PDB file of N, CA and C in Angstrom:
ATOM      1  N   MET A   1     -12.413-166.934-197.956  1.00  0.00           N
ATOM      2  CA  MET A   1     -13.500-166.260-198.656  1.00  0.00           C
ATOM      3  C   MET A   1     -14.855-166.835-198.244  1.00  0.00           C
ATOM      4  N   SER A   2     -14.874-168.100-197.845  1.00  0.00           N
ATOM      5  CA  SER A   2     -16.147-168.729-197.510  1.00  0.00           C
ATOM      6  C   SER A   2     -16.809-168.071-196.299  1.00  0.00           C
ATOM      7  N   PHE A   3     -16.008-167.588-195.352  1.00  0.00           N
ATOM      8  CA  PHE A   3     -16.607-166.922-194.201  1.00  0.00           C
ATOM      9  C   PHE A   3     -17.147-165.542-194.577  1.00  0.00           C
ATOM     10  N   ILE A   4     -16.571-164.912-195.596  1.00  0.00           N
ATOM     11  CA  ILE A   4     -17.129-163.656-196.122  1.00  0.00           C
ATOM     12  C   ILE A   4     -18.488-163.944-196.756  1.00  0.00           C
ATOM     13  N   TYR A   5     -18.565-165.020-197.545  1.00  0.00           N
ATOM     14  CA  TYR A   5     -19.842-165.421-198.139  1.00  0.00           C
ATOM     15  C   TYR A   5     -20.875-165.712-197.051  1.00  0.00           C
ATOM     16  N   LEU A   6     -20.440-166.373-196.003  1.00  0.00           N
ATOM     17  CA  LEU A   6     -21.348-166.696-194.906  1.00  0.00           C
ATOM     18  C   LEU A   6     -21.827-165.420-194.218  1.00  0.00           C
ATOM     19  N   LEU A   7     -20.946-164.467-194.023  1.00  0.00           N
ATOM     20  CA  LEU A   7     -21.325-163.199-193.413  1.00  0.00           C
ATOM     21  C   LEU A   7     -22.333-162.448-194.276  1.00  0.00           C
ATOM     22  N   ILE A   8     -22.108-162.438-195.574  1.00  0.00           N
ATOM     23  CA  ILE A   8     -23.062-161.802-196.495  1.00  0.00           C
ATOM     24  C   ILE A   8     -24.415-162.498-196.398  1.00  0.00           C
ATOM     25  N   ALA A   9     -24.410-163.822-196.360  1.00  0.00           N
ATOM     26  CA  ALA A   9     -25.656-164.582-196.253  1.00  0.00           C
ATOM     27  C   ALA A   9     -26.398-164.246-194.962  1.00  0.00           C
ATOM     28  N   ILE A  10     -25.673-164.112-193.872  1.00  0.00           N
ATOM     29  CA  ILE A  10     -26.287-163.795-192.582  1.00  0.00           C
ATOM     30  C   ILE A  10     -26.904-162.401-192.616  1.00  0.00           C
ATOM     31  N   ILE A  11     -26.157-161.424-193.113  1.00  0.00           N
ATOM     32  CA  ILE A  11     -26.656-160.047-193.162  1.00  0.00           C
ATOM     33  C   ILE A  11     -27.872-159.952-194.079  1.00  0.00           C
ATOM     34  N   ALA A  12     -27.823-160.607-195.230  1.00  0.00           N
ATOM     35  CA  ALA A  12     -28.956-160.578-196.158  1.00  0.00           C
ATOM     36  C   ALA A  12     -30.191-161.224-195.531  1.00  0.00           C
ATOM     37  N   GLU A  13     -29.987-162.293-194.788  1.00  0.00           N
ATOM     38  CA  GLU A  13     -31.116-162.964-194.135  1.00  0.00           C
ATOM     39  C   GLU A  13     -31.735-162.080-193.053  1.00  0.00           C
ATOM     40  N   VAL A  14     -30.918-161.376-192.312  1.00  0.00           N
ATOM     41  CA  VAL A  14     -31.430-160.478-191.274  1.00  0.00           C
ATOM     42  C   VAL A  14     -32.199-159.315-191.906  1.00  0.00           C
ATOM     43  N   ILE A  15     -31.678-158.771-192.986  1.00  0.00           N
ATOM     44  CA  ILE A  15     -32.393-157.707-193.699  1.00  0.00           C
ATOM     45  C   ILE A  15     -33.721-158.224-194.224  1.00  0.00           C
ATOM     46  N   ALA A  16     -33.709-159.419-194.823  1.00  0.00           N
ATOM     47  CA  ALA A  16     -34.938-159.996-195.373  1.00  0.00           C
ATOM     48  C   ALA A  16     -35.972-160.263-194.287  1.00  0.00           C
ATOM     49  N   THR A  17     -35.544-160.797-193.170  1.00  0.00           N
ATOM     50  CA  THR A  17     -36.483-161.093-192.089  1.00  0.00           C
ATOM     51  C   THR A  17     -37.033-159.811-191.482  1.00  0.00           C
ATOM     52  N   SER A  18     -36.195-158.785-191.353  1.00  0.00           N
ATOM     53  CA  SER A  18     -36.667-157.488-190.864  1.00  0.00           C
ATOM     54  C   SER A  18     -37.682-156.884-191.830  1.00  0.00           C
ATOM     55  N   ALA A  19     -37.409-157.000-193.111  1.00  0.00           N
ATOM     56  CA  ALA A  19     -38.349-156.498-194.118  1.00  0.00           C
ATOM     57  C   ALA A  19     -39.649-157.298-194.098  1.00  0.00           C
ATOM     58  N   LEU A  20     -39.541-158.588-193.821  1.00  0.00           N
ATOM     59  CA  LEU A  20     -40.743-159.420-193.721  1.00  0.00           C
ATOM     60  C   LEU A  20     -41.660-158.900-192.621  1.00  0.00           C
ATOM     61  N   LYS A  21     -41.083-158.548-191.480  1.00  0.00           N
ATOM     62  CA  LYS A  21     -41.867-157.964-190.391  1.00  0.00           C
ATOM     63  C   LYS A  21     -42.468-156.627-190.834  1.00  0.00           C
ATOM     64  N   ALA A  22     -41.662-155.809-191.508  1.00  0.00           N
ATOM     65  CA  ALA A  22     -42.112-154.487-191.958  1.00  0.00           C
ATOM     66  C   ALA A  22     -43.159-154.567-193.071  1.00  0.00           C
ATOM     67  N   SER A  23     -43.250-155.712-193.732  1.00  0.00           N
ATOM     68  CA  SER A  23     -44.214-155.845-194.836  1.00  0.00           C
ATOM     69  C   SER A  23     -45.651-155.901-194.358  1.00  0.00           C
ATOM     70  N   ASN A  24     -45.825-156.033-193.049  1.00  0.00           N
ATOM     71  CA  ASN A  24     -47.170-156.028-192.464  1.00  0.00           C
ATOM     72  C   ASN A  24     -48.064-157.092-193.105  1.00  0.00           C
ATOM     73  N   GLY A  25     -47.558-158.319-193.063  1.00  0.00           N
ATOM     74  CA  GLY A  25     -48.332-159.427-193.629  1.00  0.00           C
ATOM     75  C   GLY A  25     -48.415-159.381-195.142  1.00  0.00           C
ATOM     76  N   PHE A  26     -47.318-158.999-195.786  1.00  0.00           N
ATOM     77  CA  PHE A  26     -47.230-158.884-197.249  1.00  0.00           C
ATOM     78  C   PHE A  26     -48.249-157.900-197.817  1.00  0.00           C
ATOM     79  N   THR A  27     -48.403-156.765-197.134  1.00  0.00           N
ATOM     80  CA  THR A  27     -49.303-155.719-197.636  1.00  0.00           C
ATOM     81  C   THR A  27     -48.559-154.461-198.064  1.00  0.00           C
ATOM     82  N   GLU A  28     -47.251-154.396-197.815  1.00  0.00           N
ATOM     83  CA  GLU A  28     -46.435-153.229-198.176  1.00  0.00           C
ATOM     84  C   GLU A  28     -45.424-153.651-199.244  1.00  0.00           C
ATOM     85  N   LEU A  29     -45.475-152.997-200.415  1.00  0.00           N
ATOM     86  CA  LEU A  29     -44.693-153.432-201.572  1.00  0.00           C
ATOM     87  C   LEU A  29     -43.176-153.357-201.364  1.00  0.00           C
ATOM     88  N   VAL A  30     -42.656-152.237-200.890  1.00  0.00           N
ATOM     89  CA  VAL A  30     -41.201-152.080-200.766  1.00  0.00           C
ATOM     90  C   VAL A  30     -40.602-153.125-199.818  1.00  0.00           C
ATOM     91  N   PRO A  31     -41.176-153.333-198.629  1.00  0.00           N
ATOM     92  CA  PRO A  31     -40.608-154.401-197.785  1.00  0.00           C
ATOM     93  C   PRO A  31     -40.710-155.793-198.400  1.00  0.00           C
ATOM     94  N   ILE A  32     -41.752-156.033-199.182  1.00  0.00           N
ATOM     95  CA  ILE A  32     -41.872-157.331-199.869  1.00  0.00           C
ATOM     96  C   ILE A  32     -40.693-157.519-200.827  1.00  0.00           C
ATOM     97  N   ILE A  33     -40.336-156.479-201.551  1.00  0.00           N
ATOM     98  CA  ILE A  33     -39.215-156.552-202.498  1.00  0.00           C
ATOM     99  C   ILE A  33     -37.906-156.842-201.744  1.00  0.00           C
ATOM    100  N   PHE A  34     -37.695-156.127-200.618  1.00  0.00           N
ATOM    101  CA  PHE A  34     -36.500-156.375-199.813  1.00  0.00           C
ATOM    102  C   PHE A  34     -36.486-157.798-199.247  1.00  0.00           C
ATOM    103  N   THR A  35     -37.657-158.301-198.891  1.00  0.00           N
ATOM    104  CA  THR A  35     -37.753-159.664-198.358  1.00  0.00           C
ATOM    105  C   THR A  35     -37.321-160.687-199.406  1.00  0.00           C
ATOM    106  N   VAL A  36     -37.899-160.593-200.579  1.00  0.00           N
ATOM    107  CA  VAL A  36     -37.596-161.559-201.646  1.00  0.00           C
ATOM    108  C   VAL A  36     -36.134-161.469-202.072  1.00  0.00           C
ATOM    109  N   LEU A  37     -35.654-160.249-202.298  1.00  0.00           N
ATOM    110  CA  LEU A  37     -34.253-160.088-202.715  1.00  0.00           C
ATOM    111  C   LEU A  37     -33.293-160.515-201.607  1.00  0.00           C
ATOM    112  N   GLY A  38     -33.611-160.169-200.378  1.00  0.00           N
ATOM    113  CA  GLY A  38     -32.742-160.530-199.259  1.00  0.00           C
ATOM    114  C   GLY A  38     -32.606-162.026-199.097  1.00  0.00           C
ATOM    115  N   TYR A  39     -33.738-162.736-199.159  1.00  0.00           N
ATOM    116  CA  TYR A  39     -33.659-164.192-199.031  1.00  0.00           C
ATOM    117  C   TYR A  39     -32.951-164.825-200.227  1.00  0.00           C
ATOM    118  N   ALA A  40     -33.154-164.272-201.435  1.00  0.00           N
ATOM    119  CA  ALA A  40     -32.458-164.807-202.611  1.00  0.00           C
ATOM    120  C   ALA A  40     -30.946-164.639-202.451  1.00  0.00           C
ATOM    121  N   ILE A  41     -30.525-163.458-202.017  1.00  0.00           N
ATOM    122  CA  ILE A  41     -29.097-163.205-201.809  1.00  0.00           C
ATOM    123  C   ILE A  41     -28.559-164.112-200.705  1.00  0.00           C
ATOM    124  N   ALA A  42     -29.307-164.227-199.620  1.00  0.00           N
ATOM    125  CA  ALA A  42     -28.869-165.064-198.494  1.00  0.00           C
ATOM    126  C   ALA A  42     -28.665-166.509-198.931  1.00  0.00           C
ATOM    127  N   LEU A  43     -29.620-167.051-199.649  1.00  0.00           N
ATOM    128  CA  LEU A  43     -29.510-168.451-200.067  1.00  0.00           C
ATOM    129  C   LEU A  43     -28.406-168.649-201.101  1.00  0.00           C
ATOM    130  N   PHE A  44     -28.228-167.675-201.985  1.00  0.00           N
ATOM    131  CA  PHE A  44     -27.148-167.765-202.961  1.00  0.00           C
ATOM    132  C   PHE A  44     -25.789-167.843-202.257  1.00  0.00           C
ATOM    133  N   PHE A  45     -25.539-166.913-201.336  1.00  0.00           N
ATOM    134  CA  PHE A  45     -24.246-166.896-200.654  1.00  0.00           C
ATOM    135  C   PHE A  45     -24.095-168.049-199.670  1.00  0.00           C
ATOM    136  N   LEU A  46     -25.194-168.494-199.073  1.00  0.00           N
ATOM    137  CA  LEU A  46     -25.112-169.682-198.228  1.00  0.00           C
ATOM    138  C   LEU A  46     -24.687-170.880-199.069  1.00  0.00           C
ATOM    139  N   GLY A  47     -25.236-170.983-200.270  1.00  0.00           N
ATOM    140  CA  GLY A  47     -24.851-172.060-201.177  1.00  0.00           C
ATOM    141  C   GLY A  47     -23.372-172.019-201.529  1.00  0.00           C
ATOM    142  N   LEU A  48     -22.818-170.818-201.686  1.00  0.00           N
ATOM    143  CA  LEU A  48     -21.387-170.696-201.975  1.00  0.00           C
ATOM    144  C   LEU A  48     -20.531-171.179-200.809  1.00  0.00           C
ATOM    145  N   THR A  49     -21.021-170.987-199.596  1.00  0.00           N
ATOM    146  CA  THR A  49     -20.233-171.442-198.443  1.00  0.00           C
ATOM    147  C   THR A  49     -20.134-172.961-198.401  1.00  0.00           C
ATOM    148  N   PHE A  50     -21.138-173.644-198.953  1.00  0.00           N
ATOM    149  CA  PHE A  50     -21.131-175.110-198.922  1.00  0.00           C
ATOM    150  C   PHE A  50     -19.982-175.702-199.729  1.00  0.00           C
ATOM    151  N   LYS A  51     -19.333-174.898-200.585  1.00  0.00           N
ATOM    152  CA  LYS A  51     -18.186-175.395-201.338  1.00  0.00           C
ATOM    153  C   LYS A  51     -16.990-175.664-200.438  1.00  0.00           C
ATOM    154  N   SER A  52     -16.897-174.933-199.314  1.00  0.00           N
ATOM    155  CA  SER A  52     -15.701-175.087-198.484  1.00  0.00           C
ATOM    156  C   SER A  52     -15.979-175.294-196.994  1.00  0.00           C
ATOM    157  N   ILE A  53     -17.207-175.085-196.562  1.00  0.00           N
ATOM    158  CA  ILE A  53     -17.581-175.355-195.170  1.00  0.00           C
ATOM    159  C   ILE A  53     -18.647-176.447-195.199  1.00  0.00           C
ATOM    160  N   PRO A  54     -18.522-177.482-194.389  1.00  0.00           N
ATOM    161  CA  PRO A  54     -19.544-178.530-194.385  1.00  0.00           C
ATOM    162  C   PRO A  54     -20.945-177.942-194.172  1.00  0.00           C
ATOM    163  N   MET A  55     -21.888-178.497-194.894  1.00  0.00           N
ATOM    164  CA  MET A  55     -23.254-177.989-194.920  1.00  0.00           C
ATOM    165  C   MET A  55     -23.854-177.814-193.527  1.00  0.00           C
ATOM    166  N   GLY A  56     -23.714-178.814-192.681  1.00  0.00           N
ATOM    167  CA  GLY A  56     -24.320-178.745-191.352  1.00  0.00           C
ATOM    168  C   GLY A  56     -23.769-177.608-190.517  1.00  0.00           C
ATOM    169  N   LEU A  57     -22.456-177.409-190.565  1.00  0.00           N
ATOM    170  CA  LEU A  57     -21.840-176.334-189.784  1.00  0.00           C
ATOM    171  C   LEU A  57     -22.146-174.961-190.378  1.00  0.00           C
ATOM    172  N   ALA A  58     -22.105-174.849-191.698  1.00  0.00           N
ATOM    173  CA  ALA A  58     -22.418-173.566-192.334  1.00  0.00           C
ATOM    174  C   ALA A  58     -23.854-173.164-192.023  1.00  0.00           C
ATOM    175  N   TYR A  59     -24.768-174.109-192.142  1.00  0.00           N
ATOM    176  CA  TYR A  59     -26.174-173.812-191.866  1.00  0.00           C
ATOM    177  C   TYR A  59     -26.381-173.491-190.390  1.00  0.00           C
ATOM    178  N   ALA A  60     -25.690-174.211-189.515  1.00  0.00           N
ATOM    179  CA  ALA A  60     -25.809-173.951-188.077  1.00  0.00           C
ATOM    180  C   ALA A  60     -25.333-172.545-187.744  1.00  0.00           C
ATOM    181  N   MET A  61     -24.197-172.140-188.297  1.00  0.00           N
ATOM    182  CA  MET A  61     -23.692-170.790-188.019  1.00  0.00           C
ATOM    183  C   MET A  61     -24.589-169.724-188.637  1.00  0.00           C
ATOM    184  N   TRP A  62     -25.094-169.966-189.851  1.00  0.00           N
ATOM    185  CA  TRP A  62     -25.993-169.032-190.533  1.00  0.00           C
ATOM    186  C   TRP A  62     -27.266-168.832-189.734  1.00  0.00           C
ATOM    187  N   SER A  63     -27.882-169.917-189.344  1.00  0.00           N
ATOM    188  CA  SER A  63     -29.150-169.801-188.627  1.00  0.00           C
ATOM    189  C   SER A  63     -28.942-169.250-187.213  1.00  0.00           C
ATOM    190  N   ALA A  64     -27.881-169.675-186.535  1.00  0.00           N
ATOM    191  CA  ALA A  64     -27.632-169.204-185.169  1.00  0.00           C
ATOM    192  C   ALA A  64     -27.336-167.705-185.146  1.00  0.00           C
ATOM    193  N   ALA A  65     -26.459-167.271-186.017  1.00  0.00           N
ATOM    194  CA  ALA A  65     -26.146-165.842-186.070  1.00  0.00           C
ATOM    195  C   ALA A  65     -27.378-165.040-186.480  1.00  0.00           C
ATOM    196  N   GLY A  66     -28.167-165.592-187.399  1.00  0.00           N
ATOM    197  CA  GLY A  66     -29.403-164.924-187.807  1.00  0.00           C
ATOM    198  C   GLY A  66     -30.377-164.791-186.654  1.00  0.00           C
ATOM    199  N   ILE A  67     -30.500-165.821-185.851  1.00  0.00           N
ATOM    200  CA  ILE A  67     -31.395-165.780-184.687  1.00  0.00           C
ATOM    201  C   ILE A  67     -30.974-164.674-183.727  1.00  0.00           C
ATOM    202  N   VAL A  68     -29.699-164.617-183.424  1.00  0.00           N
ATOM    203  CA  VAL A  68     -29.200-163.602-182.476  1.00  0.00           C
ATOM    204  C   VAL A  68     -29.388-162.204-183.053  1.00  0.00           C
ATOM    205  N   LEU A  69     -28.986-162.006-184.299  1.00  0.00           N
ATOM    206  CA  LEU A  69     -29.078-160.671-184.892  1.00  0.00           C
ATOM    207  C   LEU A  69     -30.520-160.217-185.084  1.00  0.00           C
ATOM    208  N   ILE A  70     -31.388-161.111-185.537  1.00  0.00           N
ATOM    209  CA  ILE A  70     -32.780-160.699-185.747  1.00  0.00           C
ATOM    210  C   ILE A  70     -33.473-160.446-184.415  1.00  0.00           C
ATOM    211  N   SER A  71     -33.048-161.133-183.371  1.00  0.00           N
ATOM    212  CA  SER A  71     -33.579-160.841-182.033  1.00  0.00           C
ATOM    213  C   SER A  71     -33.177-159.440-181.596  1.00  0.00           C
ATOM    214  N   CYS A  72     -31.942-159.064-181.895  1.00  0.00           N
ATOM    215  CA  CYS A  72     -31.479-157.705-181.575  1.00  0.00           C
ATOM    216  C   CYS A  72     -32.225-156.658-182.387  1.00  0.00           C
ATOM    217  N   VAL A  73     -32.440-156.924-183.670  1.00  0.00           N
ATOM    218  CA  VAL A  73     -33.208-156.001-184.510  1.00  0.00           C
ATOM    219  C   VAL A  73     -34.638-155.867-183.982  1.00  0.00           C
ATOM    220  N   GLY A  74     -35.250-156.982-183.629  1.00  0.00           N
ATOM    221  CA  GLY A  74     -36.598-156.938-183.069  1.00  0.00           C
ATOM    222  C   GLY A  74     -36.653-156.121-181.798  1.00  0.00           C
ATOM    223  N   TRP A  75     -35.655-156.257-180.963  1.00  0.00           N
ATOM    224  CA  TRP A  75     -35.586-155.537-179.692  1.00  0.00           C
ATOM    225  C   TRP A  75     -35.375-154.039-179.918  1.00  0.00           C
ATOM    226  N   ILE A  76     -34.416-153.693-180.808  1.00  0.00           N
ATOM    227  CA  ILE A  76     -34.058-152.291-181.014  1.00  0.00           C
ATOM    228  C   ILE A  76     -35.039-151.574-181.948  1.00  0.00           C
ATOM    229  N   VAL A  77     -35.318-152.168-183.095  1.00  0.00           N
ATOM    230  CA  VAL A  77     -36.121-151.491-184.117  1.00  0.00           C
ATOM    231  C   VAL A  77     -37.611-151.637-183.868  1.00  0.00           C
ATOM    232  N   PHE A  78     -38.053-152.849-183.559  1.00  0.00           N
ATOM    233  CA  PHE A  78     -39.485-153.109-183.425  1.00  0.00           C
ATOM    234  C   PHE A  78     -39.966-153.094-181.971  1.00  0.00           C
ATOM    235  N   LYS A  79     -39.059-152.745-181.040  1.00  0.00           N
ATOM    236  CA  LYS A  79     -39.396-152.598-179.615  1.00  0.00           C
ATOM    237  C   LYS A  79     -40.005-153.862-179.015  1.00  0.00           C
ATOM    238  N   GLN A  80     -39.503-155.023-179.459  1.00  0.00           N
ATOM    239  CA  GLN A  80     -39.966-156.297-178.924  1.00  0.00           C
ATOM    240  C   GLN A  80     -39.156-156.644-177.681  1.00  0.00           C
ATOM    241  N   ASN A  81     -39.803-157.232-176.713  1.00  0.00           N
ATOM    242  CA  ASN A  81     -39.190-157.508-175.420  1.00  0.00           C
ATOM    243  C   ASN A  81     -38.248-158.712-175.478  1.00  0.00           C
ATOM    244  N   LEU A  82     -37.085-158.557-174.859  1.00  0.00           N
ATOM    245  CA  LEU A  82     -36.171-159.682-174.626  1.00  0.00           C
ATOM    246  C   LEU A  82     -35.926-159.742-173.123  1.00  0.00           C
ATOM    247  N   ASP A  83     -36.490-160.739-172.481  1.00  0.00           N
ATOM    248  CA  ASP A  83     -36.291-160.855-171.037  1.00  0.00           C
ATOM    249  C   ASP A  83     -34.977-161.586-170.751  1.00  0.00           C
ATOM    250  N   LEU A  84     -34.659-161.726-169.483  1.00  0.00           N
ATOM    251  CA  LEU A  84     -33.385-162.327-169.087  1.00  0.00           C
ATOM    252  C   LEU A  84     -33.198-163.746-169.625  1.00  0.00           C
ATOM    253  N   PRO A  85     -34.205-164.640-169.514  1.00  0.00           N
ATOM    254  CA  PRO A  85     -34.005-165.981-170.077  1.00  0.00           C
ATOM    255  C   PRO A  85     -33.730-165.961-171.585  1.00  0.00           C
ATOM    256  N   ALA A  86     -34.393-165.047-172.314  1.00  0.00           N
ATOM    257  CA  ALA A  86     -34.144-164.941-173.754  1.00  0.00           C
ATOM    258  C   ALA A  86     -32.709-164.498-174.012  1.00  0.00           C
ATOM    259  N   MET A  87     -32.235-163.524-173.246  1.00  0.00           N
ATOM    260  CA  MET A  87     -30.868-163.043-173.430  1.00  0.00           C
ATOM    261  C   MET A  87     -29.841-164.116-173.073  1.00  0.00           C
ATOM    262  N   ILE A  88     -30.116-164.878-172.040  1.00  0.00           N
ATOM    263  CA  ILE A  88     -29.211-165.972-171.670  1.00  0.00           C
ATOM    264  C   ILE A  88     -29.171-167.013-172.784  1.00  0.00           C
ATOM    265  N   GLY A  89     -30.332-167.373-173.311  1.00  0.00           N
ATOM    266  CA  GLY A  89     -30.388-168.330-174.411  1.00  0.00           C
ATOM    267  C   GLY A  89     -29.643-167.835-175.638  1.00  0.00           C
ATOM    268  N   LEU A  90     -29.803-166.552-175.976  1.00  0.00           N
ATOM    269  CA  LEU A  90     -29.075-165.978-177.108  1.00  0.00           C
ATOM    270  C   LEU A  90     -27.574-165.983-176.841  1.00  0.00           C
ATOM    271  N   GLY A  91     -27.192-165.772-175.593  1.00  0.00           N
ATOM    272  CA  GLY A  91     -25.779-165.846-175.226  1.00  0.00           C
ATOM    273  C   GLY A  91     -25.210-167.238-175.451  1.00  0.00           C
ATOM    274  N   PHE A  92     -26.003-168.269-175.114  1.00  0.00           N
ATOM    275  CA  PHE A  92     -25.556-169.644-175.356  1.00  0.00           C
ATOM    276  C   PHE A  92     -25.415-169.920-176.856  1.00  0.00           C
ATOM    277  N   ILE A  93     -26.313-169.361-177.649  1.00  0.00           N
ATOM    278  CA  ILE A  93     -26.205-169.525-179.100  1.00  0.00           C
ATOM    279  C   ILE A  93     -24.903-168.901-179.595  1.00  0.00           C
ATOM    280  N   LEU A  94     -24.618-167.688-179.145  1.00  0.00           N
ATOM    281  CA  LEU A  94     -23.353-167.038-179.518  1.00  0.00           C
ATOM    282  C   LEU A  94     -22.149-167.852-179.070  1.00  0.00           C
ATOM    283  N   LEU A  95     -22.210-168.377-177.873  1.00  0.00           N
ATOM    284  CA  LEU A  95     -21.129-169.209-177.361  1.00  0.00           C
ATOM    285  C   LEU A  95     -20.916-170.432-178.260  1.00  0.00           C
ATOM    286  N   GLY A  96     -21.995-171.016-178.741  1.00  0.00           N
ATOM    287  CA  GLY A  96     -21.887-172.149-179.654  1.00  0.00           C
ATOM    288  C   GLY A  96     -21.170-171.786-180.939  1.00  0.00           C
ATOM    289  N   ILE A  97     -21.476-170.605-181.478  1.00  0.00           N
ATOM    290  CA  ILE A  97     -20.795-170.145-182.689  1.00  0.00           C
ATOM    291  C   ILE A  97     -19.301-169.968-182.422  1.00  0.00           C
ATOM    292  N   VAL A  98     -18.973-169.370-181.296  1.00  0.00           N
ATOM    293  CA  VAL A  98     -17.563-169.161-180.939  1.00  0.00           C
ATOM    294  C   VAL A  98     -16.850-170.504-180.790  1.00  0.00           C
ATOM    295  N   ILE A  99     -17.463-171.443-180.096  1.00  0.00           N
ATOM    296  CA  ILE A  99     -16.841-172.762-179.896  1.00  0.00           C
ATOM    297  C   ILE A  99     -16.573-173.438-181.236  1.00  0.00           C
ATOM    298  N   ILE A 100     -17.538-173.394-182.137  1.00  0.00           N
ATOM    299  CA  ILE A 100     -17.348-174.008-183.458  1.00  0.00           C
ATOM    300  C   ILE A 100     -16.169-173.364-184.177  1.00  0.00           C
ATOM    301  N   ASN A 101     -16.133-172.032-184.182  1.00  0.00           N
ATOM    302  CA  ASN A 101     -15.097-171.336-184.959  1.00  0.00           C
ATOM    303  C   ASN A 101     -13.715-171.377-184.328  1.00  0.00           C
ATOM    304  N   VAL A 102     -13.637-171.452-183.023  1.00  0.00           N
ATOM    305  CA  VAL A 102     -12.335-171.429-182.362  1.00  0.00           C
ATOM    306  C   VAL A 102     -11.756-172.831-182.183  1.00  0.00           C
ATOM    307  N   PHE A 103     -12.590-173.789-181.840  1.00  0.00           N
ATOM    308  CA  PHE A 103     -12.077-175.104-181.450  1.00  0.00           C
ATOM    309  C   PHE A 103     -12.291-176.228-182.464  1.00  0.00           C
ATOM    310  N   SER A 104     -13.249-176.076-183.377  1.00  0.00           N
ATOM    311  CA  SER A 104     -13.554-177.169-184.280  1.00  0.00           C
ATOM    312  C   SER A 104     -12.662-177.146-185.517  1.00  0.00           C
ATOM    313  N   LYS A 105     -12.202-178.311-185.890  1.00  0.00           N
ATOM    314  CA  LYS A 105     -11.461-178.467-187.139  1.00  0.00           C
ATOM    315  C   LYS A 105     -12.414-178.899-188.256  1.00  0.00           C
ATOM    316  N   SER A 106     -13.688-179.056-187.933  1.00  0.00           N
ATOM    317  CA  SER A 106     -14.681-179.540-188.898  1.00  0.00           C
ATOM    318  C   SER A 106     -15.188-178.469-189.843  1.00  0.00           C
ATOM    319  N   THR A 107     -14.758-177.206-189.655  1.00  0.00           N
ATOM    320  CA  THR A 107     -15.273-176.139-190.521  1.00  0.00           C
ATOM    321  C   THR A 107     -14.598-176.088-191.879  1.00  0.00           C
ATOM    322  N   GLU A 108     -13.689-177.024-192.143  1.00  0.00           N
ATOM    323  CA  GLU A 108     -13.022-177.090-193.441  1.00  0.00           C
ATOM    324  C   GLU A 108     -13.303-178.435-194.081  1.00  0.00           C
ATOM    325  N   LEU A 109     -13.575-178.389-195.380  1.00  0.00           N
ATOM    326  CA  LEU A 109     -13.820-179.639-196.113  1.00  0.00           C
ATOM    327  C   LEU A 109     -12.515-180.340-196.420  1.00  0.00           C
TER     328      LEU A 109
END
């Protein structure tokens, strides 16, 4: 269940960060509401993951997956450029997540 909580936290964080961009410097009310609620949900579910996944690994996976996903949202939705070095770096981040989840025994308390 902890990985479900972590997934919810990641998705909520990506929604919140996307809404933060859409808020246009906190000048648009609806995106501000999504930003605040999204981050609250993200932090709540991230906190639940700490019950069964060590804090450092849970936070690393949360932030790494968030970086990759928000980069994709920026590229697709906000038409922000991702050049080859950026894509390679994001690939290494994804590889790190895979290595942790496939090979590490440290993801359990």
